Amino acid sequence: MPNYDLGILITIDICLALMGLLGMMAGFWFMSRDMRAITAASERVAGIAERLDVRLRRQYADIDRELQDIKERLG
């Protein structure tokens, strides 16, 4: 194999490796962006759950007292 052909193959190999690294970096960037969106969504869900918890405890105070009693007995 002539040196010229070998040089072209090495250059193509290096280009493919760099393209792979660039693709990996782009993938990690997209994943990190999605993780921020997932974190924000989970915080919203947690806030809704807390508000529901407060409403249910107000509405069903007797059940809340019973649960606290059971928790004290077990804990």
PDB file of N, CA and C in Angstrom:
ATOM      1  N   MET A   1       0.847  -1.165   0.000  1.00  0.00           N
ATOM      2  CA  MET A   1       0.000   0.000   0.000  1.00  0.00           C
ATOM      3  C   MET A   1       0.899   1.236   0.000  1.00  0.00           C
ATOM      4  N   PRO A   2       0.680   2.122  -0.916  1.00  0.00           N
ATOM      5  CA  PRO A   2       1.520   3.344  -0.976  1.00  0.00           C
ATOM      6  C   PRO A   2       1.285   4.234   0.245  1.00  0.00           C
ATOM      7  N   ASN A   3       2.296   5.023   0.543  1.00  0.00           N
ATOM      8  CA  ASN A   3       2.216   5.915   1.704  1.00  0.00           C
ATOM      9  C   ASN A   3       1.080   6.923   1.567  1.00  0.00           C
ATOM     10  N   TYR A   4       0.791   7.342   0.343  1.00  0.00           N
ATOM     11  CA  TYR A   4      -0.271   8.315   0.108  1.00  0.00           C
ATOM     12  C   TYR A   4      -1.618   7.741   0.542  1.00  0.00           C
ATOM     13  N   ASP A   5      -1.907   6.500   0.159  1.00  0.00           N
ATOM     14  CA  ASP A   5      -3.168   5.861   0.535  1.00  0.00           C
ATOM     15  C   ASP A   5      -3.251   5.672   2.052  1.00  0.00           C
ATOM     16  N   LEU A   6      -2.139   5.303   2.664  1.00  0.00           N
ATOM     17  CA  LEU A   6      -2.109   5.121   4.107  1.00  0.00           C
ATOM     18  C   LEU A   6      -2.370   6.446   4.823  1.00  0.00           C
ATOM     19  N   GLY A   7      -1.834   7.527   4.311  1.00  0.00           N
ATOM     20  CA  GLY A   7      -2.062   8.855   4.895  1.00  0.00           C
ATOM     21  C   GLY A   7      -3.524   9.256   4.814  1.00  0.00           C
ATOM     22  N   ILE A   8      -4.159   8.952   3.686  1.00  0.00           N
ATOM     23  CA  ILE A   8      -5.583   9.265   3.530  1.00  0.00           C
ATOM     24  C   ILE A   8      -6.412   8.457   4.526  1.00  0.00           C
ATOM     25  N   LEU A   9      -6.092   7.169   4.682  1.00  0.00           N
ATOM     26  CA  LEU A   9      -6.829   6.333   5.622  1.00  0.00           C
ATOM     27  C   LEU A   9      -6.671   6.821   7.068  1.00  0.00           C
ATOM     28  N   ILE A  10      -5.455   7.220   7.422  1.00  0.00           N
ATOM     29  CA  ILE A  10      -5.214   7.739   8.774  1.00  0.00           C
ATOM     30  C   ILE A  10      -5.993   9.031   8.985  1.00  0.00           C
ATOM     31  N   THR A  11      -6.012   9.892   7.981  1.00  0.00           N
ATOM     32  CA  THR A  11      -6.754  11.155   8.075  1.00  0.00           C
ATOM     33  C   THR A  11      -8.254  10.888   8.224  1.00  0.00           C
ATOM     34  N   ILE A  12      -8.768   9.954   7.442  1.00  0.00           N
ATOM     35  CA  ILE A  12     -10.195   9.606   7.545  1.00  0.00           C
ATOM     36  C   ILE A  12     -10.498   9.027   8.923  1.00  0.00           C
ATOM     37  N   ASP A  13      -9.598   8.192   9.437  1.00  0.00           N
ATOM     38  CA  ASP A  13      -9.790   7.606  10.766  1.00  0.00           C
ATOM     39  C   ASP A  13      -9.829   8.689  11.840  1.00  0.00           C
ATOM     40  N   ILE A  14      -8.922   9.638  11.761  1.00  0.00           N
ATOM     41  CA  ILE A  14      -8.900  10.734  12.737  1.00  0.00           C
ATOM     42  C   ILE A  14     -10.173  11.569  12.620  1.00  0.00           C
ATOM     43  N   CYS A  15     -10.620  11.843  11.402  1.00  0.00           N
ATOM     44  CA  CYS A  15     -11.853  12.618  11.204  1.00  0.00           C
ATOM     45  C   CYS A  15     -13.062  11.887  11.774  1.00  0.00           C
ATOM     46  N   LEU A  16     -13.140  10.597  11.552  1.00  0.00           N
ATOM     47  CA  LEU A  16     -14.256   9.821  12.095  1.00  0.00           C
ATOM     48  C   LEU A  16     -14.231   9.811  13.623  1.00  0.00           C
ATOM     49  N   ALA A  17     -13.039   9.702  14.205  1.00  0.00           N
ATOM     50  CA  ALA A  17     -12.921   9.720  15.665  1.00  0.00           C
ATOM     51  C   ALA A  17     -13.362  11.074  16.219  1.00  0.00           C
ATOM     52  N   LEU A  18     -12.952  12.160  15.562  1.00  0.00           N
ATOM     53  CA  LEU A  18     -13.361  13.491  16.018  1.00  0.00           C
ATOM     54  C   LEU A  18     -14.865  13.699  15.860  1.00  0.00           C
ATOM     55  N   MET A  19     -15.428  13.178  14.777  1.00  0.00           N
ATOM     56  CA  MET A  19     -16.874  13.283  14.591  1.00  0.00           C
ATOM     57  C   MET A  19     -17.615  12.492  15.677  1.00  0.00           C
ATOM     58  N   GLY A  20     -17.087  11.337  16.042  1.00  0.00           N
ATOM     59  CA  GLY A  20     -17.679  10.552  17.113  1.00  0.00           C
ATOM     60  C   GLY A  20     -17.634  11.290  18.440  1.00  0.00           C
ATOM     61  N   LEU A  21     -16.496  11.910  18.746  1.00  0.00           N
ATOM     62  CA  LEU A  21     -16.384  12.688  19.983  1.00  0.00           C
ATOM     63  C   LEU A  21     -17.345  13.872  19.982  1.00  0.00           C
ATOM     64  N   LEU A  22     -17.455  14.541  18.839  1.00  0.00           N
ATOM     65  CA  LEU A  22     -18.383  15.664  18.724  1.00  0.00           C
ATOM     66  C   LEU A  22     -19.824  15.190  18.921  1.00  0.00           C
ATOM     67  N   GLY A  23     -20.152  14.054  18.345  1.00  0.00           N
ATOM     68  CA  GLY A  23     -21.489  13.481  18.526  1.00  0.00           C
ATOM     69  C   GLY A  23     -21.764  13.126  19.975  1.00  0.00           C
ATOM     70  N   MET A  24     -20.771  12.572  20.655  1.00  0.00           N
ATOM     71  CA  MET A  24     -20.930  12.234  22.072  1.00  0.00           C
ATOM     72  C   MET A  24     -21.148  13.498  22.905  1.00  0.00           C
ATOM     73  N   MET A  25     -20.384  14.541  22.623  1.00  0.00           N
ATOM     74  CA  MET A  25     -20.539  15.791  23.363  1.00  0.00           C
ATOM     75  C   MET A  25     -21.934  16.375  23.142  1.00  0.00           C
ATOM     76  N   ALA A  26     -22.417  16.333  21.905  1.00  0.00           N
ATOM     77  CA  ALA A  26     -23.760  16.835  21.613  1.00  0.00           C
ATOM     78  C   ALA A  26     -24.806  16.001  22.350  1.00  0.00           C
ATOM     79  N   GLY A  27     -24.624  14.702  22.377  1.00  0.00           N
ATOM     80  CA  GLY A  27     -25.551  13.836  23.093  1.00  0.00           C
ATOM     81  C   GLY A  27     -25.582  14.139  24.580  1.00  0.00           C
ATOM     82  N   PHE A  28     -24.421  14.329  25.188  1.00  0.00           N
ATOM     83  CA  PHE A  28     -24.364  14.664  26.609  1.00  0.00           C
ATOM     84  C   PHE A  28     -25.022  16.011  26.884  1.00  0.00           C
ATOM     85  N   TRP A  29     -24.826  16.966  25.961  1.00  0.00           N
ATOM     86  CA  TRP A  29     -25.440  18.282  26.124  1.00  0.00           C
ATOM     87  C   TRP A  29     -26.966  18.167  26.079  1.00  0.00           C
ATOM     88  N   PHE A  30     -27.489  17.400  25.124  1.00  0.00           N
ATOM     89  CA  PHE A  30     -28.938  17.213  25.031  1.00  0.00           C
ATOM     90  C   PHE A  30     -29.480  16.515  26.272  1.00  0.00           C
ATOM     91  N   MET A  31     -28.751  15.512  26.762  1.00  0.00           N
ATOM     92  CA  MET A  31     -29.207  14.799  27.961  1.00  0.00           C
ATOM     93  C   MET A  31     -29.224  15.716  29.177  1.00  0.00           C
ATOM     94  N   SER A  32     -28.203  16.563  29.314  1.00  0.00           N
ATOM     95  CA  SER A  32     -28.170  17.460  30.467  1.00  0.00           C
ATOM     96  C   SER A  32     -29.296  18.480  30.377  1.00  0.00           C
ATOM     97  N   ARG A  33     -29.623  18.919  29.168  1.00  0.00           N
ATOM     98  CA  ARG A  33     -30.729  19.860  28.992  1.00  0.00           C
ATOM     99  C   ARG A  33     -32.050  19.188  29.362  1.00  0.00           C
ATOM    100  N   ASP A  34     -32.226  17.923  28.974  1.00  0.00           N
ATOM    101  CA  ASP A  34     -33.434  17.190  29.321  1.00  0.00           C
ATOM    102  C   ASP A  34     -33.508  16.942  30.821  1.00  0.00           C
ATOM    103  N   MET A  35     -32.378  16.708  31.462  1.00  0.00           N
ATOM    104  CA  MET A  35     -32.385  16.464  32.900  1.00  0.00           C
ATOM    105  C   MET A  35     -32.853  17.703  33.654  1.00  0.00           C
ATOM    106  N   ARG A  36     -32.465  18.902  33.167  1.00  0.00           N
ATOM    107  CA  ARG A  36     -32.940  20.122  33.811  1.00  0.00           C
ATOM    108  C   ARG A  36     -34.447  20.246  33.687  1.00  0.00           C
ATOM    109  N   ALA A  37     -34.997  19.878  32.537  1.00  0.00           N
ATOM    110  CA  ALA A  37     -36.445  19.934  32.334  1.00  0.00           C
ATOM    111  C   ALA A  37     -37.145  18.915  33.226  1.00  0.00           C
ATOM    112  N   ILE A  38     -36.565  17.738  33.352  1.00  0.00           N
ATOM    113  CA  ILE A  38     -37.153  16.704  34.207  1.00  0.00           C
ATOM    114  C   ILE A  38     -37.115  17.140  35.669  1.00  0.00           C
ATOM    115  N   THR A  39     -36.034  17.774  36.081  1.00  0.00           N
ATOM    116  CA  THR A  39     -35.918  18.250  37.456  1.00  0.00           C
ATOM    117  C   THR A  39     -36.974  19.314  37.742  1.00  0.00           C
ATOM    118  N   ALA A  40     -37.160  20.240  36.801  1.00  0.00           N
ATOM    119  CA  ALA A  40     -38.171  21.278  36.992  1.00  0.00           C
ATOM    120  C   ALA A  40     -39.568  20.667  37.065  1.00  0.00           C
ATOM    121  N   ALA A  41     -39.841  19.684  36.227  1.00  0.00           N
ATOM    122  CA  ALA A  41     -41.156  19.035  36.239  1.00  0.00           C
ATOM    123  C   ALA A  41     -41.374  18.289  37.547  1.00  0.00           C
ATOM    124  N   SER A  42     -40.349  17.617  38.046  1.00  0.00           N
ATOM    125  CA  SER A  42     -40.506  16.876  39.304  1.00  0.00           C
ATOM    126  C   SER A  42     -40.710  17.834  40.477  1.00  0.00           C
ATOM    127  N   GLU A  43     -40.092  19.018  40.425  1.00  0.00           N
ATOM    128  CA  GLU A  43     -40.320  20.004  41.480  1.00  0.00           C
ATOM    129  C   GLU A  43     -41.761  20.504  41.452  1.00  0.00           C
ATOM    130  N   ARG A  44     -42.316  20.689  40.253  1.00  0.00           N
ATOM    131  CA  ARG A  44     -43.718  21.107  40.149  1.00  0.00           C
ATOM    132  C   ARG A  44     -44.641  20.025  40.704  1.00  0.00           C
ATOM    133  N   VAL A  45     -44.352  18.770  40.379  1.00  0.00           N
ATOM    134  CA  VAL A  45     -45.169  17.664  40.886  1.00  0.00           C
ATOM    135  C   VAL A  45     -45.070  17.586  42.405  1.00  0.00           C
ATOM    136  N   ALA A  46     -43.886  17.797  42.957  1.00  0.00           N
ATOM    137  CA  ALA A  46     -43.717  17.768  44.412  1.00  0.00           C
ATOM    138  C   ALA A  46     -44.523  18.885  45.071  1.00  0.00           C
ATOM    139  N   GLY A  47     -44.552  20.061  44.461  1.00  0.00           N
ATOM    140  CA  GLY A  47     -45.341  21.169  45.000  1.00  0.00           C
ATOM    141  C   GLY A  47     -46.830  20.848  44.992  1.00  0.00           C
ATOM    142  N   ILE A  48     -47.295  20.249  43.906  1.00  0.00           N
ATOM    143  CA  ILE A  48     -48.707  19.858  43.824  1.00  0.00           C
ATOM    144  C   ILE A  48     -49.023  18.815  44.890  1.00  0.00           C
ATOM    145  N   ALA A  49     -48.137  17.857  45.083  1.00  0.00           N
ATOM    146  CA  ALA A  49     -48.352  16.814  46.090  1.00  0.00           C
ATOM    147  C   ALA A  49     -48.414  17.413  47.490  1.00  0.00           C
ATOM    148  N   GLU A  50     -47.574  18.398  47.772  1.00  0.00           N
ATOM    149  CA  GLU A  50     -47.606  19.036  49.086  1.00  0.00           C
ATOM    150  C   GLU A  50     -48.920  19.764  49.314  1.00  0.00           C
ATOM    151  N   ARG A  51     -49.395  20.480  48.296  1.00  0.00           N
ATOM    152  CA  ARG A  51     -50.675  21.181  48.435  1.00  0.00           C
ATOM    153  C   ARG A  51     -51.825  20.196  48.634  1.00  0.00           C
ATOM    154  N   LEU A  52     -51.792  19.093  47.898  1.00  0.00           N
ATOM    155  CA  LEU A  52     -52.826  18.066  48.089  1.00  0.00           C
ATOM    156  C   LEU A  52     -52.779  17.487  49.495  1.00  0.00           C
ATOM    157  N   ASP A  53     -51.578  17.269  49.979  1.00  0.00           N
ATOM    158  CA  ASP A  53     -51.416  16.725  51.325  1.00  0.00           C
ATOM    159  C   ASP A  53     -52.038  17.658  52.358  1.00  0.00           C
ATOM    160  N   VAL A  54     -51.785  18.950  52.226  1.00  0.00           N
ATOM    161  CA  VAL A  54     -52.347  19.927  53.172  1.00  0.00           C
ATOM    162  C   VAL A  54     -53.867  19.934  53.086  1.00  0.00           C
ATOM    163  N   ARG A  55     -54.402  19.927  51.871  1.00  0.00           N
ATOM    164  CA  ARG A  55     -55.861  19.927  51.714  1.00  0.00           C
ATOM    165  C   ARG A  55     -56.491  18.673  52.312  1.00  0.00           C
ATOM    166  N   LEU A  56     -55.906  17.524  52.046  1.00  0.00           N
ATOM    167  CA  LEU A  56     -56.468  16.280  52.572  1.00  0.00           C
ATOM    168  C   LEU A  56     -56.385  16.222  54.092  1.00  0.00           C
ATOM    169  N   ARG A  57     -55.288  16.724  54.648  1.00  0.00           N
ATOM    170  CA  ARG A  57     -55.154  16.716  56.106  1.00  0.00           C
ATOM    171  C   ARG A  57     -56.178  17.638  56.753  1.00  0.00           C
ATOM    172  N   ARG A  58     -56.494  18.762  56.086  1.00  0.00           N
ATOM    173  CA  ARG A  58     -57.529  19.645  56.616  1.00  0.00           C
ATOM    174  C   ARG A  58     -58.905  18.998  56.515  1.00  0.00           C
ATOM    175  N   GLN A  59     -59.173  18.379  55.386  1.00  0.00           N
ATOM    176  CA  GLN A  59     -60.489  17.814  55.137  1.00  0.00           C
ATOM    177  C   GLN A  59     -60.741  16.569  55.986  1.00  0.00           C
ATOM    178  N   TYR A  60     -59.717  15.766  56.162  1.00  0.00           N
ATOM    179  CA  TYR A  60     -59.877  14.511  56.898  1.00  0.00           C
ATOM    180  C   TYR A  60     -58.945  14.515  58.102  1.00  0.00           C
ATOM    181  N   ALA A  61     -59.207  15.424  59.021  1.00  0.00           N
ATOM    182  CA  ALA A  61     -58.335  15.578  60.189  1.00  0.00           C
ATOM    183  C   ALA A  61     -58.362  14.334  61.075  1.00  0.00           C
ATOM    184  N   ASP A  62     -59.516  13.672  61.144  1.00  0.00           N
ATOM    185  CA  ASP A  62     -59.600  12.480  61.994  1.00  0.00           C
ATOM    186  C   ASP A  62     -58.697  11.363  61.474  1.00  0.00           C
ATOM    187  N   ILE A  63     -58.613  11.215  60.155  1.00  0.00           N
ATOM    188  CA  ILE A  63     -57.731  10.198  59.577  1.00  0.00           C
ATOM    189  C   ILE A  63     -56.272  10.565  59.854  1.00  0.00           C
ATOM    190  N   ASP A  64     -55.967  11.863  59.779  1.00  0.00           N
ATOM    191  CA  ASP A  64     -54.600  12.311  60.052  1.00  0.00           C
ATOM    192  C   ASP A  64     -54.212  11.984  61.488  1.00  0.00           C
ATOM    193  N   ARG A  65     -55.126  12.193  62.431  1.00  0.00           N
ATOM    194  CA  ARG A  65     -54.834  11.875  63.829  1.00  0.00           C
ATOM    195  C   ARG A  65     -54.614  10.379  64.011  1.00  0.00           C
ATOM    196  N   GLU A  66     -55.441   9.577  63.351  1.00  0.00           N
ATOM    197  CA  GLU A  66     -55.276   8.121  63.460  1.00  0.00           C
ATOM    198  C   GLU A  66     -53.936   7.677  62.886  1.00  0.00           C
ATOM    199  N   LEU A  67     -53.558   8.258  61.760  1.00  0.00           N
ATOM    200  CA  LEU A  67     -52.262   7.908  61.164  1.00  0.00           C
ATOM    201  C   LEU A  67     -51.107   8.316  62.066  1.00  0.00           C
ATOM    202  N   GLN A  68     -51.216   9.481  62.702  1.00  0.00           N
ATOM    203  CA  GLN A  68     -50.166   9.915  63.633  1.00  0.00           C
ATOM    204  C   GLN A  68     -50.076   8.977  64.828  1.00  0.00           C
ATOM    205  N   ASP A  69     -51.237   8.528  65.321  1.00  0.00           N
ATOM    206  CA  ASP A  69     -51.227   7.575  66.433  1.00  0.00           C
ATOM    207  C   ASP A  69     -50.552   6.264  66.041  1.00  0.00           C
ATOM    208  N   ILE A  70     -50.879   5.775  64.867  1.00  0.00           N
ATOM    209  CA  ILE A  70     -50.261   4.526  64.385  1.00  0.00           C
ATOM    210  C   ILE A  70     -48.766   4.724  64.212  1.00  0.00           C
ATOM    211  N   LYS A  71     -48.388   5.854  63.690  1.00  0.00           N
ATOM    212  CA  LYS A  71     -46.968   6.143  63.476  1.00  0.00           C
ATOM    213  C   LYS A  71     -46.216   6.182  64.810  1.00  0.00           C
ATOM    214  N   GLU A  72     -46.845   6.784  65.832  1.00  0.00           N
ATOM    215  CA  GLU A  72     -46.200   6.842  67.153  1.00  0.00           C
ATOM    216  C   GLU A  72     -46.079   5.447  67.766  1.00  0.00           C
ATOM    217  N   ARG A  73     -47.090   4.625  67.566  1.00  0.00           N
ATOM    218  CA  ARG A  73     -47.032   3.260  68.119  1.00  0.00           C
ATOM    219  C   ARG A  73     -45.933   2.442  67.448  1.00  0.00           C
ATOM    220  N   LEU A  74     -45.798   2.608  66.145  1.00  0.00           N
ATOM    221  CA  LEU A  74     -44.790   1.830  65.415  1.00  0.00           C
ATOM    222  C   LEU A  74     -43.390   2.399  65.578  1.00  0.00           C
ATOM    223  N   GLY A  75     -43.286   3.716  65.700  1.00  0.00           N
ATOM    224  CA  GLY A  75     -41.981   4.362  65.724  1.00  0.00           C
ATOM    225  C   GLY A  75     -41.399   4.391  67.057  1.00  0.00           C
TER     226      GLY A  75
END
